[in-house]
């Protein structure tokens, strides 16, 4: 499994979304992908913006690169994506590091 994937969701989004992402990451790992996880106590803080948010994302990118991980799984701390946890996509697309990573992907 050589494709690069970054799975991001708020931990308090719908339970099926969170569970399905965890299952997907586990299955990809079984297929040979290396997975870097920022979940639980290492989850992202959705309240962060600008430089602090970019630094948080860059730290995960750097850690994944050092591990050779091509799958990144990121949760946002419960309650930090407001007013609705499903809106974590707004954080994602406003984060320069994540956006640059996304648009750097090529087949």
PDB file of N, CA and C in Angstrom:
ATOM      1  N   UNK A   1       0.858  -1.175   0.000  1.00  0.00           N
ATOM      2  CA  UNK A   1       0.000   0.000   0.000  1.00  0.00           C
ATOM      3  C   UNK A   1       0.895   1.226   0.000  1.00  0.00           C
ATOM      4  N   UNK A   2       1.015   1.890  -1.146  1.00  0.00           N
ATOM      5  CA  UNK A   2       1.932   3.018  -1.282  1.00  0.00           C
ATOM      6  C   UNK A   2       1.246   4.379  -1.309  1.00  0.00           C
ATOM      7  N   UNK A   3      -0.070   4.403  -1.401  1.00  0.00           N
ATOM      8  CA  UNK A   3      -0.774   5.681  -1.468  1.00  0.00           C
ATOM      9  C   UNK A   3      -0.654   6.433  -0.148  1.00  0.00           C
ATOM     10  N   UNK A   4      -0.645   7.758  -0.238  1.00  0.00           N
ATOM     11  CA  UNK A   4      -0.615   8.616   0.941  1.00  0.00           C
ATOM     12  C   UNK A   4      -2.041   9.036   1.281  1.00  0.00           C
ATOM     13  N   UNK A   5      -2.407   8.849   2.534  1.00  0.00           N
ATOM     14  CA  UNK A   5      -3.753   9.193   2.992  1.00  0.00           C
ATOM     15  C   UNK A   5      -3.630   9.886   4.342  1.00  0.00           C
ATOM     16  N   UNK A   6      -4.393  10.970   4.503  1.00  0.00           N
ATOM     17  CA  UNK A   6      -4.460  11.638   5.809  1.00  0.00           C
ATOM     18  C   UNK A   6      -5.927  11.648   6.221  1.00  0.00           C
ATOM     19  N   UNK A   7      -6.248  10.843   7.218  1.00  0.00           N
ATOM     20  CA  UNK A   7      -7.604  10.728   7.749  1.00  0.00           C
ATOM     21  C   UNK A   7      -7.734  11.671   8.936  1.00  0.00           C
ATOM     22  N   UNK A   8      -8.697  12.583   8.866  1.00  0.00           N
ATOM     23  CA  UNK A   8      -8.887  13.557   9.938  1.00  0.00           C
ATOM     24  C   UNK A   8     -10.360  13.609  10.325  1.00  0.00           C
ATOM     25  N   UNK A   9     -10.626  13.585  11.617  1.00  0.00           N
ATOM     26  CA  UNK A   9     -12.000  13.740  12.098  1.00  0.00           C
ATOM     27  C   UNK A   9     -11.987  14.128  13.566  1.00  0.00           C
ATOM     28  N   UNK A  10     -13.049  14.782  13.983  1.00  0.00           N
ATOM     29  CA  UNK A  10     -13.215  15.104  15.398  1.00  0.00           C
ATOM     30  C   UNK A  10     -13.675  13.841  16.121  1.00  0.00           C
ATOM     31  N   UNK A  11     -13.090  13.566  17.259  1.00  0.00           N
ATOM     32  CA  UNK A  11     -13.421  12.360  18.002  1.00  0.00           C
ATOM     33  C   UNK A  11     -14.891  12.344  18.425  1.00  0.00           C
ATOM     34  N   UNK A  12     -15.501  13.517  18.523  1.00  0.00           N
ATOM     35  CA  UNK A  12     -16.916  13.568  18.907  1.00  0.00           C
ATOM     36  C   UNK A  12     -17.851  13.746  17.713  1.00  0.00           C
ATOM     37  N   UNK A  13     -17.326  13.494  16.495  1.00  0.00           N
ATOM     38  CA  UNK A  13     -18.185  13.412  15.315  1.00  0.00           C
ATOM     39  C   UNK A  13     -19.022  12.137  15.462  1.00  0.00           C
ATOM     40  N   UNK A  14     -19.856  11.843  14.486  1.00  0.00           N
ATOM     41  CA  UNK A  14     -20.669  10.633  14.580  1.00  0.00           C
ATOM     42  C   UNK A  14     -19.784   9.421  14.815  1.00  0.00           C
ATOM     43  N   UNK A  15     -20.215   8.559  15.710  1.00  0.00           N
ATOM     44  CA  UNK A  15     -19.408   7.413  16.105  1.00  0.00           C
ATOM     45  C   UNK A  15     -19.009   6.536  14.917  1.00  0.00           C
ATOM     46  N   UNK A  16     -19.915   6.344  13.958  1.00  0.00           N
ATOM     47  CA  UNK A  16     -19.580   5.484  12.820  1.00  0.00           C
ATOM     48  C   UNK A  16     -18.436   6.062  11.999  1.00  0.00           C
ATOM     49  N   UNK A  17     -18.344   7.377  11.888  1.00  0.00           N
ATOM     50  CA  UNK A  17     -17.241   7.986  11.133  1.00  0.00           C
ATOM     51  C   UNK A  17     -15.902   7.726  11.811  1.00  0.00           C
ATOM     52  N   UNK A  18     -15.887   7.907  13.112  1.00  0.00           N
ATOM     53  CA  UNK A  18     -14.652   7.701  13.871  1.00  0.00           C
ATOM     54  C   UNK A  18     -14.245   6.234  13.823  1.00  0.00           C
ATOM     55  N   UNK A  19     -15.184   5.347  14.078  1.00  0.00           N
ATOM     56  CA  UNK A  19     -14.900   3.909  14.083  1.00  0.00           C
ATOM     57  C   UNK A  19     -14.447   3.444  12.706  1.00  0.00           C
ATOM     58  N   UNK A  20     -15.122   3.891  11.658  1.00  0.00           N
ATOM     59  CA  UNK A  20     -14.753   3.461  10.309  1.00  0.00           C
ATOM     60  C   UNK A  20     -13.357   3.925   9.920  1.00  0.00           C
ATOM     61  N   UNK A  21     -12.968   5.118  10.344  1.00  0.00           N
ATOM     62  CA  UNK A  21     -11.607   5.573  10.052  1.00  0.00           C
ATOM     63  C   UNK A  21     -10.574   4.718  10.782  1.00  0.00           C
ATOM     64  N   UNK A  22     -10.881   4.358  12.014  1.00  0.00           N
ATOM     65  CA  UNK A  22      -9.956   3.506  12.778  1.00  0.00           C
ATOM     66  C   UNK A  22      -9.834   2.135  12.110  1.00  0.00           C
ATOM     67  N   UNK A  23     -10.969   1.579  11.674  1.00  0.00           N
ATOM     68  CA  UNK A  23     -10.954   0.284  10.993  1.00  0.00           C
ATOM     69  C   UNK A  23     -10.149   0.383   9.698  1.00  0.00           C
ATOM     70  N   UNK A  24     -10.372   1.452   8.931  1.00  0.00           N
ATOM     71  CA  UNK A  24      -9.632   1.639   7.685  1.00  0.00           C
ATOM     72  C   UNK A  24      -8.133   1.703   7.940  1.00  0.00           C
ATOM     73  N   UNK A  25      -7.709   2.483   8.920  1.00  0.00           N
ATOM     74  CA  UNK A  25      -6.284   2.593   9.238  1.00  0.00           C
ATOM     75  C   UNK A  25      -5.714   1.234   9.641  1.00  0.00           C
ATOM     76  N   UNK A  26      -6.448   0.485  10.444  1.00  0.00           N
ATOM     77  CA  UNK A  26      -5.994  -0.840  10.867  1.00  0.00           C
ATOM     78  C   UNK A  26      -5.869  -1.790   9.679  1.00  0.00           C
ATOM     79  N   UNK A  27      -6.840  -1.751   8.778  1.00  0.00           N
ATOM     80  CA  UNK A  27      -6.805  -2.635   7.606  1.00  0.00           C
ATOM     81  C   UNK A  27      -5.652  -2.268   6.670  1.00  0.00           C
ATOM     82  N   UNK A  28      -5.436  -0.972   6.476  1.00  0.00           N
ATOM     83  CA  UNK A  28      -4.321  -0.540   5.627  1.00  0.00           C
ATOM     84  C   UNK A  28      -2.989  -0.976   6.227  1.00  0.00           C
ATOM     85  N   UNK A  29      -2.913  -0.914   7.545  1.00  0.00           N
ATOM     86  CA  UNK A  29      -1.698  -1.355   8.223  1.00  0.00           C
ATOM     87  C   UNK A  29      -1.471  -2.858   7.991  1.00  0.00           C
ATOM     88  N   UNK A  30      -2.543  -3.634   8.029  1.00  0.00           N
ATOM     89  CA  UNK A  30      -2.428  -5.069   7.772  1.00  0.00           C
ATOM     90  C   UNK A  30      -1.966  -5.347   6.347  1.00  0.00           C
ATOM     91  N   UNK A  31      -2.251  -4.416   5.433  1.00  0.00           N
ATOM     92  CA  UNK A  31      -1.836  -4.560   4.040  1.00  0.00           C
ATOM     93  C   UNK A  31      -0.414  -4.041   3.794  1.00  0.00           C
ATOM     94  N   UNK A  32       0.233  -3.575   4.846  1.00  0.00           N
ATOM     95  CA  UNK A  32       1.620  -3.149   4.716  1.00  0.00           C
ATOM     96  C   UNK A  32       1.866  -1.655   4.840  1.00  0.00           C
ATOM     97  N   UNK A  33       0.817  -0.867   4.967  1.00  0.00           N
ATOM     98  CA  UNK A  33       1.004   0.575   5.131  1.00  0.00           C
ATOM     99  C   UNK A  33       1.544   0.868   6.527  1.00  0.00           C
ATOM    100  N   UNK A  34       2.296   1.933   6.626  1.00  0.00           N
ATOM    101  CA  UNK A  34       2.730   2.410   7.938  1.00  0.00           C
ATOM    102  C   UNK A  34       1.817   3.555   8.342  1.00  0.00           C
ATOM    103  N   UNK A  35       1.267   3.479   9.545  1.00  0.00           N
ATOM    104  CA  UNK A  35       0.275   4.446  10.007  1.00  0.00           C
ATOM    105  C   UNK A  35       0.840   5.252  11.164  1.00  0.00           C
ATOM    106  N   UNK A  36       0.764   6.573  11.034  1.00  0.00           N
ATOM    107  CA  UNK A  36       1.118   7.482  12.116  1.00  0.00           C
ATOM    108  C   UNK A  36      -0.192   7.994  12.701  1.00  0.00           C
ATOM    109  N   UNK A  37      -0.380   7.798  13.997  1.00  0.00           N
ATOM    110  CA  UNK A  37      -1.645   8.161  14.650  1.00  0.00           C
ATOM    111  C   UNK A  37      -1.458   9.304  15.645  1.00  0.00           C
ATOM    112  N   UNK A  38      -2.336  10.285  15.550  1.00  0.00           N
ATOM    113  CA  UNK A  38      -2.454  11.346  16.565  1.00  0.00           C
ATOM    114  C   UNK A  38      -3.878  11.243  17.093  1.00  0.00           C
ATOM    115  N   UNK A  39      -4.032  10.365  18.074  1.00  0.00           N
ATOM    116  CA  UNK A  39      -5.349  10.102  18.648  1.00  0.00           C
ATOM    117  C   UNK A  39      -5.218  10.084  20.167  1.00  0.00           C
ATOM    118  N   UNK A  40      -6.341  10.026  20.848  1.00  0.00           N
ATOM    119  CA  UNK A  40      -6.306   9.982  22.311  1.00  0.00           C
ATOM    120  C   UNK A  40      -5.638  11.219  22.883  1.00  0.00           C
ATOM    121  N   UNK A  41      -4.676  11.016  23.765  1.00  0.00           N
ATOM    122  CA  UNK A  41      -3.973  12.131  24.408  1.00  0.00           C
ATOM    123  C   UNK A  41      -3.123  12.941  23.430  1.00  0.00           C
ATOM    124  N   UNK A  42      -2.866  12.399  22.239  1.00  0.00           N
ATOM    125  CA  UNK A  42      -2.060  13.097  21.234  1.00  0.00           C
ATOM    126  C   UNK A  42      -2.900  13.772  20.160  1.00  0.00           C
ATOM    127  N   UNK A  43      -4.217  13.810  20.346  1.00  0.00           N
ATOM    128  CA  UNK A  43      -5.114  14.402  19.348  1.00  0.00           C
ATOM    129  C   UNK A  43      -4.813  15.878  19.131  1.00  0.00           C
ATOM    130  N   UNK A  44      -5.235  16.380  17.974  1.00  0.00           N
ATOM    131  CA  UNK A  44      -5.075  17.800  17.646  1.00  0.00           C
ATOM    132  C   UNK A  44      -6.077  18.634  18.451  1.00  0.00           C
ATOM    133  N   UNK A  45      -5.673  19.856  18.739  1.00  0.00           N
ATOM    134  CA  UNK A  45      -6.559  20.816  19.390  1.00  0.00           C
ATOM    135  C   UNK A  45      -7.206  21.669  18.297  1.00  0.00           C
ATOM    136  N   UNK A  46      -8.493  21.481  18.082  1.00  0.00           N
ATOM    137  CA  UNK A  46      -9.212  22.215  17.043  1.00  0.00           C
ATOM    138  C   UNK A  46      -9.353  23.694  17.310  1.00  0.00           C
ATOM    139  N   UNK A  47      -9.060  24.134  18.529  1.00  0.00           N
ATOM    140  CA  UNK A  47      -9.124  25.564  18.831  1.00  0.00           C
ATOM    141  C   UNK A  47      -7.931  26.324  18.249  1.00  0.00           C
ATOM    142  N   UNK A  48      -6.859  25.613  17.954  1.00  0.00           N
ATOM    143  CA  UNK A  48      -5.666  26.282  17.444  1.00  0.00           C
ATOM    144  C   UNK A  48      -5.897  26.806  16.034  1.00  0.00           C
ATOM    145  N   UNK A  49      -5.312  27.959  15.743  1.00  0.00           N
ATOM    146  CA  UNK A  49      -5.407  28.573  14.418  1.00  0.00           C
ATOM    147  C   UNK A  49      -4.033  29.093  14.014  1.00  0.00           C
ATOM    148  N   UNK A  50      -3.897  29.385  12.738  1.00  0.00           N
ATOM    149  CA  UNK A  50      -2.685  30.022  12.225  1.00  0.00           C
ATOM    150  C   UNK A  50      -1.428  29.226  12.503  1.00  0.00           C
ATOM    151  N   UNK A  51      -0.397  29.925  12.976  1.00  0.00           N
ATOM    152  CA  UNK A  51       0.915  29.330  13.192  1.00  0.00           C
ATOM    153  C   UNK A  51       0.839  28.120  14.118  1.00  0.00           C
ATOM    154  N   UNK A  52       0.078  28.219  15.207  1.00  0.00           N
ATOM    155  CA  UNK A  52       0.000  27.115  16.173  1.00  0.00           C
ATOM    156  C   UNK A  52      -0.629  25.877  15.541  1.00  0.00           C
ATOM    157  N   UNK A  53      -1.661  26.062  14.734  1.00  0.00           N
ATOM    158  CA  UNK A  53      -2.311  24.931  14.061  1.00  0.00           C
ATOM    159  C   UNK A  53      -1.370  24.331  13.014  1.00  0.00           C
ATOM    160  N   UNK A  54      -0.685  25.185  12.277  1.00  0.00           N
ATOM    161  CA  UNK A  54       0.267  24.699  11.266  1.00  0.00           C
ATOM    162  C   UNK A  54       1.401  23.918  11.922  1.00  0.00           C
ATOM    163  N   UNK A  55       1.879  24.407  13.053  1.00  0.00           N
ATOM    164  CA  UNK A  55       2.964  23.733  13.767  1.00  0.00           C
ATOM    165  C   UNK A  55       2.524  22.342  14.234  1.00  0.00           C
ATOM    166  N   UNK A  56       1.277  22.244  14.689  1.00  0.00           N
ATOM    167  CA  UNK A  56       0.718  20.965  15.127  1.00  0.00           C
ATOM    168  C   UNK A  56       0.695  19.960  13.969  1.00  0.00           C
ATOM    169  N   UNK A  57       0.227  20.412  12.803  1.00  0.00           N
ATOM    170  CA  UNK A  57       0.161  19.544  11.625  1.00  0.00           C
ATOM    171  C   UNK A  57       1.560  19.207  11.107  1.00  0.00           C
ATOM    172  N   UNK A  58       2.461  20.180  11.105  1.00  0.00           N
ATOM    173  CA  UNK A  58       3.823  19.943  10.621  1.00  0.00           C
ATOM    174  C   UNK A  58       4.533  18.925  11.497  1.00  0.00           C
ATOM    175  N   UNK A  59       4.286  18.974  12.788  1.00  0.00           N
ATOM    176  CA  UNK A  59       4.908  18.002  13.691  1.00  0.00           C
ATOM    177  C   UNK A  59       4.479  16.585  13.326  1.00  0.00           C
ATOM    178  N   UNK A  60       3.195  16.401  12.983  1.00  0.00           N
ATOM    179  CA  UNK A  60       2.759  15.061  12.588  1.00  0.00           C
ATOM    180  C   UNK A  60       3.359  14.666  11.247  1.00  0.00           C
ATOM    181  N   UNK A  61       3.398  15.591  10.303  1.00  0.00           N
ATOM    182  CA  UNK A  61       4.024  15.290   8.995  1.00  0.00           C
ATOM    183  C   UNK A  61       5.471  14.873   9.177  1.00  0.00           C
ATOM    184  N   UNK A  62       6.206  15.619   9.988  1.00  0.00           N
ATOM    185  CA  UNK A  62       7.622  15.320  10.214  1.00  0.00           C
ATOM    186  C   UNK A  62       7.786  13.957  10.884  1.00  0.00           C
ATOM    187  N   UNK A  63       6.963  13.679  11.875  1.00  0.00           N
ATOM    188  CA  UNK A  63       7.028  12.400  12.582  1.00  0.00           C
ATOM    189  C   UNK A  63       6.707  11.247  11.628  1.00  0.00           C
ATOM    190  N   UNK A  64       5.678  11.415  10.807  1.00  0.00           N
ATOM    191  CA  UNK A  64       5.303  10.378   9.840  1.00  0.00           C
ATOM    192  C   UNK A  64       6.426  10.149   8.835  1.00  0.00           C
ATOM    193  N   UNK A  65       7.034  11.227   8.358  1.00  0.00           N
ATOM    194  CA  UNK A  65       8.135  11.102   7.400  1.00  0.00           C
ATOM    195  C   UNK A  65       9.320  10.364   8.025  1.00  0.00           C
ATOM    196  N   UNK A  66       9.626  10.681   9.272  1.00  0.00           N
ATOM    197  CA  UNK A  66      10.736  10.016   9.952  1.00  0.00           C
ATOM    198  C   UNK A  66      10.467   8.524  10.130  1.00  0.00           C
ATOM    199  N   UNK A  67       9.210   8.157  10.298  1.00  0.00           N
ATOM    200  CA  UNK A  67       8.830   6.746  10.453  1.00  0.00           C
ATOM    201  C   UNK A  67       8.665   6.045   9.110  1.00  0.00           C
ATOM    202  N   UNK A  68       8.568   6.830   8.042  1.00  0.00           N
ATOM    203  CA  UNK A  68       8.264   6.263   6.740  1.00  0.00           C
ATOM    204  C   UNK A  68       6.790   5.937   6.589  1.00  0.00           C
ATOM    205  N   UNK A  69       5.952   6.564   7.412  1.00  0.00           N
ATOM    206  CA  UNK A  69       4.505   6.302   7.392  1.00  0.00           C
ATOM    207  C   UNK A  69       3.850   7.039   6.233  1.00  0.00           C
ATOM    208  N   UNK A  70       3.000   6.338   5.507  1.00  0.00           N
ATOM    209  CA  UNK A  70       2.280   6.965   4.401  1.00  0.00           C
ATOM    210  C   UNK A  70       0.803   7.194   4.727  1.00  0.00           C
ATOM    211  N   UNK A  71       0.358   6.739   5.876  1.00  0.00           N
ATOM    212  CA  UNK A  71      -1.008   6.966   6.329  1.00  0.00           C
ATOM    213  C   UNK A  71      -0.936   7.760   7.627  1.00  0.00           C
ATOM    214  N   UNK A  72      -1.665   8.861   7.672  1.00  0.00           N
ATOM    215  CA  UNK A  72      -1.747   9.667   8.881  1.00  0.00           C
ATOM    216  C   UNK A  72      -3.190   9.620   9.366  1.00  0.00           C
ATOM    217  N   UNK A  73      -3.379   9.334  10.631  1.00  0.00           N
ATOM    218  CA  UNK A  73      -4.701   9.313  11.247  1.00  0.00           C
ATOM    219  C   UNK A  73      -4.695  10.351  12.353  1.00  0.00           C
ATOM    220  N   UNK A  74      -5.599  11.319  12.241  1.00  0.00           N
ATOM    221  CA  UNK A  74      -5.624  12.432  13.180  1.00  0.00           C
ATOM    222  C   UNK A  74      -7.028  12.634  13.714  1.00  0.00           C
ATOM    223  N   UNK A  75      -7.141  12.707  15.031  1.00  0.00           N
ATOM    224  CA  UNK A  75      -8.401  13.074  15.672  1.00  0.00           C
ATOM    225  C   UNK A  75      -8.255  14.462  16.286  1.00  0.00           C
ATOM    226  N   UNK A  76      -9.364  15.155  16.371  1.00  0.00           N
ATOM    227  CA  UNK A  76      -9.419  16.417  17.096  1.00  0.00           C
ATOM    228  C   UNK A  76     -10.029  16.147  18.462  1.00  0.00           C
ATOM    229  N   UNK A  77      -9.494  16.790  19.474  1.00  0.00           N
ATOM    230  CA  UNK A  77      -9.982  16.637  20.841  1.00  0.00           C
ATOM    231  C   UNK A  77     -11.469  16.961  20.896  1.00  0.00           C
ATOM    232  N   UNK A  78     -12.219  16.154  21.632  1.00  0.00           N
ATOM    233  CA  UNK A  78     -13.655  16.378  21.788  1.00  0.00           C
ATOM    234  C   UNK A  78     -13.928  17.793  22.279  1.00  0.00           C
ATOM    235  N   UNK A  79     -14.895  18.434  21.645  1.00  0.00           N
ATOM    236  CA  UNK A  79     -15.311  19.777  22.046  1.00  0.00           C
ATOM    237  C   UNK A  79     -14.506  20.904  21.436  1.00  0.00           C
ATOM    238  N   UNK A  80     -13.443  20.591  20.673  1.00  0.00           N
ATOM    239  CA  UNK A  80     -12.609  21.667  20.128  1.00  0.00           C
ATOM    240  C   UNK A  80     -12.967  22.035  18.692  1.00  0.00           C
ATOM    241  N   UNK A  81     -13.902  21.327  18.082  1.00  0.00           N
ATOM    242  CA  UNK A  81     -14.390  21.696  16.755  1.00  0.00           C
ATOM    243  C   UNK A  81     -15.808  22.212  16.952  1.00  0.00           C
ATOM    244  N   UNK A  82     -15.956  23.511  16.833  1.00  0.00           N
ATOM    245  CA  UNK A  82     -17.233  24.173  17.135  1.00  0.00           C
ATOM    246  C   UNK A  82     -17.800  24.854  15.903  1.00  0.00           C
ATOM    247  N   UNK A  83     -19.113  24.969  15.735  1.00  0.00           N
ATOM    248  CA  UNK A  83     -20.161  24.584  16.685  1.00  0.00           C
ATOM    249  C   UNK A  83     -20.599  23.136  16.537  1.00  0.00           C
ATOM    250  N   UNK A  84     -20.019  22.402  15.578  1.00  0.00           N
ATOM    251  CA  UNK A  84     -20.434  21.034  15.306  1.00  0.00           C
ATOM    252  C   UNK A  84     -19.183  20.226  14.958  1.00  0.00           C
ATOM    253  N   UNK A  85     -18.965  19.083  15.603  1.00  0.00           N
ATOM    254  CA  UNK A  85     -17.750  18.311  15.337  1.00  0.00           C
ATOM    255  C   UNK A  85     -17.603  17.864  13.883  1.00  0.00           C
ATOM    256  N   UNK A  86     -18.690  17.796  13.146  1.00  0.00           N
ATOM    257  CA  UNK A  86     -18.606  17.404  11.739  1.00  0.00           C
ATOM    258  C   UNK A  86     -17.919  18.491  10.904  1.00  0.00           C
ATOM    259  N   UNK A  87     -17.762  19.674  11.448  1.00  0.00           N
ATOM    260  CA  UNK A  87     -17.148  20.780  10.715  1.00  0.00           C
ATOM    261  C   UNK A  87     -15.616  20.761  10.789  1.00  0.00           C
ATOM    262  N   UNK A  88     -15.048  19.637  11.157  1.00  0.00           N
ATOM    263  CA  UNK A  88     -13.579  19.563  11.211  1.00  0.00           C
ATOM    264  C   UNK A  88     -12.958  19.813   9.843  1.00  0.00           C
ATOM    265  N   UNK A  89     -13.711  19.597   8.780  1.00  0.00           N
ATOM    266  CA  UNK A  89     -13.197  19.875   7.424  1.00  0.00           C
ATOM    267  C   UNK A  89     -12.815  21.347   7.280  1.00  0.00           C
ATOM    268  N   UNK A  90     -13.507  22.236   7.999  1.00  0.00           N
ATOM    269  CA  UNK A  90     -13.162  23.669   7.918  1.00  0.00           C
ATOM    270  C   UNK A  90     -11.768  23.909   8.498  1.00  0.00           C
ATOM    271  N   UNK A  91     -11.469  23.253   9.609  1.00  0.00           N
ATOM    272  CA  UNK A  91     -10.137  23.359  10.194  1.00  0.00           C
ATOM    273  C   UNK A  91      -9.109  22.824   9.204  1.00  0.00           C
ATOM    274  N   UNK A  92      -9.405  21.664   8.630  1.00  0.00           N
ATOM    275  CA  UNK A  92      -8.468  21.001   7.726  1.00  0.00           C
ATOM    276  C   UNK A  92      -8.118  21.897   6.544  1.00  0.00           C
ATOM    277  N   UNK A  93      -9.109  22.466   5.887  1.00  0.00           N
ATOM    278  CA  UNK A  93      -8.842  23.261   4.689  1.00  0.00           C
ATOM    279  C   UNK A  93      -8.319  24.659   5.005  1.00  0.00           C
ATOM    280  N   UNK A  94      -8.367  25.062   6.270  1.00  0.00           N
ATOM    281  CA  UNK A  94      -7.759  26.330   6.665  1.00  0.00           C
ATOM    282  C   UNK A  94      -6.354  26.143   7.212  1.00  0.00           C
ATOM    283  N   UNK A  95      -5.906  24.905   7.299  1.00  0.00           N
ATOM    284  CA  UNK A  95      -4.576  24.622   7.806  1.00  0.00           C
ATOM    285  C   UNK A  95      -3.617  24.546   6.618  1.00  0.00           C
ATOM    286  N   UNK A  96      -2.687  25.463   6.569  1.00  0.00           N
ATOM    287  CA  UNK A  96      -1.763  25.575   5.433  1.00  0.00           C
ATOM    288  C   UNK A  96      -0.947  24.299   5.224  1.00  0.00           C
ATOM    289  N   UNK A  97      -0.491  23.691   6.290  1.00  0.00           N
ATOM    290  CA  UNK A  97       0.347  22.493   6.186  1.00  0.00           C
ATOM    291  C   UNK A  97      -0.452  21.328   5.608  1.00  0.00           C
ATOM    292  N   UNK A  98      -1.667  21.124   6.100  1.00  0.00           N
ATOM    293  CA  UNK A  98      -2.502  20.030   5.594  1.00  0.00           C
ATOM    294  C   UNK A  98      -2.899  20.293   4.146  1.00  0.00           C
ATOM    295  N   UNK A  99      -3.263  21.525   3.857  1.00  0.00           N
ATOM    296  CA  UNK A  99      -3.654  21.891   2.486  1.00  0.00           C
ATOM    297  C   UNK A  99      -2.489  21.689   1.516  1.00  0.00           C
ATOM    298  N   UNK A 100      -1.294  22.110   1.898  1.00  0.00           N
ATOM    299  CA  UNK A 100      -0.117  21.916   1.040  1.00  0.00           C
ATOM    300  C   UNK A 100       0.169  20.431   0.835  1.00  0.00           C
ATOM    301  N   UNK A 101       0.030  19.656   1.911  1.00  0.00           N
ATOM    302  CA  UNK A 101       0.230  18.212   1.789  1.00  0.00           C
ATOM    303  C   UNK A 101      -0.778  17.629   0.790  1.00  0.00           C
ATOM    304  N   UNK A 102      -2.026  18.009   0.926  1.00  0.00           N
ATOM    305  CA  UNK A 102      -3.087  17.486   0.049  1.00  0.00           C
ATOM    306  C   UNK A 102      -2.787  17.779  -1.418  1.00  0.00           C
ATOM    307  N   UNK A 103      -2.437  19.020  -1.723  1.00  0.00           N
ATOM    308  CA  UNK A 103      -2.227  19.401  -3.110  1.00  0.00           C
ATOM    309  C   UNK A 103      -0.863  18.980  -3.662  1.00  0.00           C
ATOM    310  N   UNK A 104      -0.022  18.413  -2.824  1.00  0.00           N
ATOM    311  CA  UNK A 104       1.267  17.894  -3.301  1.00  0.00           C
ATOM    312  C   UNK A 104       1.164  16.427  -3.732  1.00  0.00           C
ATOM    313  N   UNK A 105       0.019  15.817  -3.482  1.00  0.00           N
ATOM    314  CA  UNK A 105      -0.149  14.398  -3.813  1.00  0.00           C
ATOM    315  C   UNK A 105      -0.293  14.204  -5.308  1.00  0.00           C
ATOM    316  N   UNK A 106       0.388  13.203  -5.844  1.00  0.00           N
ATOM    317  CA  UNK A 106       0.341  12.888  -7.271  1.00  0.00           C
ATOM    318  C   UNK A 106       0.202  11.388  -7.435  1.00  0.00           C
ATOM    319  N   UNK A 107      -0.448  10.995  -8.494  1.00  0.00           N
ATOM    320  CA  UNK A 107      -0.560   9.570  -8.846  1.00  0.00           C
ATOM    321  C   UNK A 107       0.593   9.192  -9.731  1.00  0.00           C
TER     322      UNK A 107
END
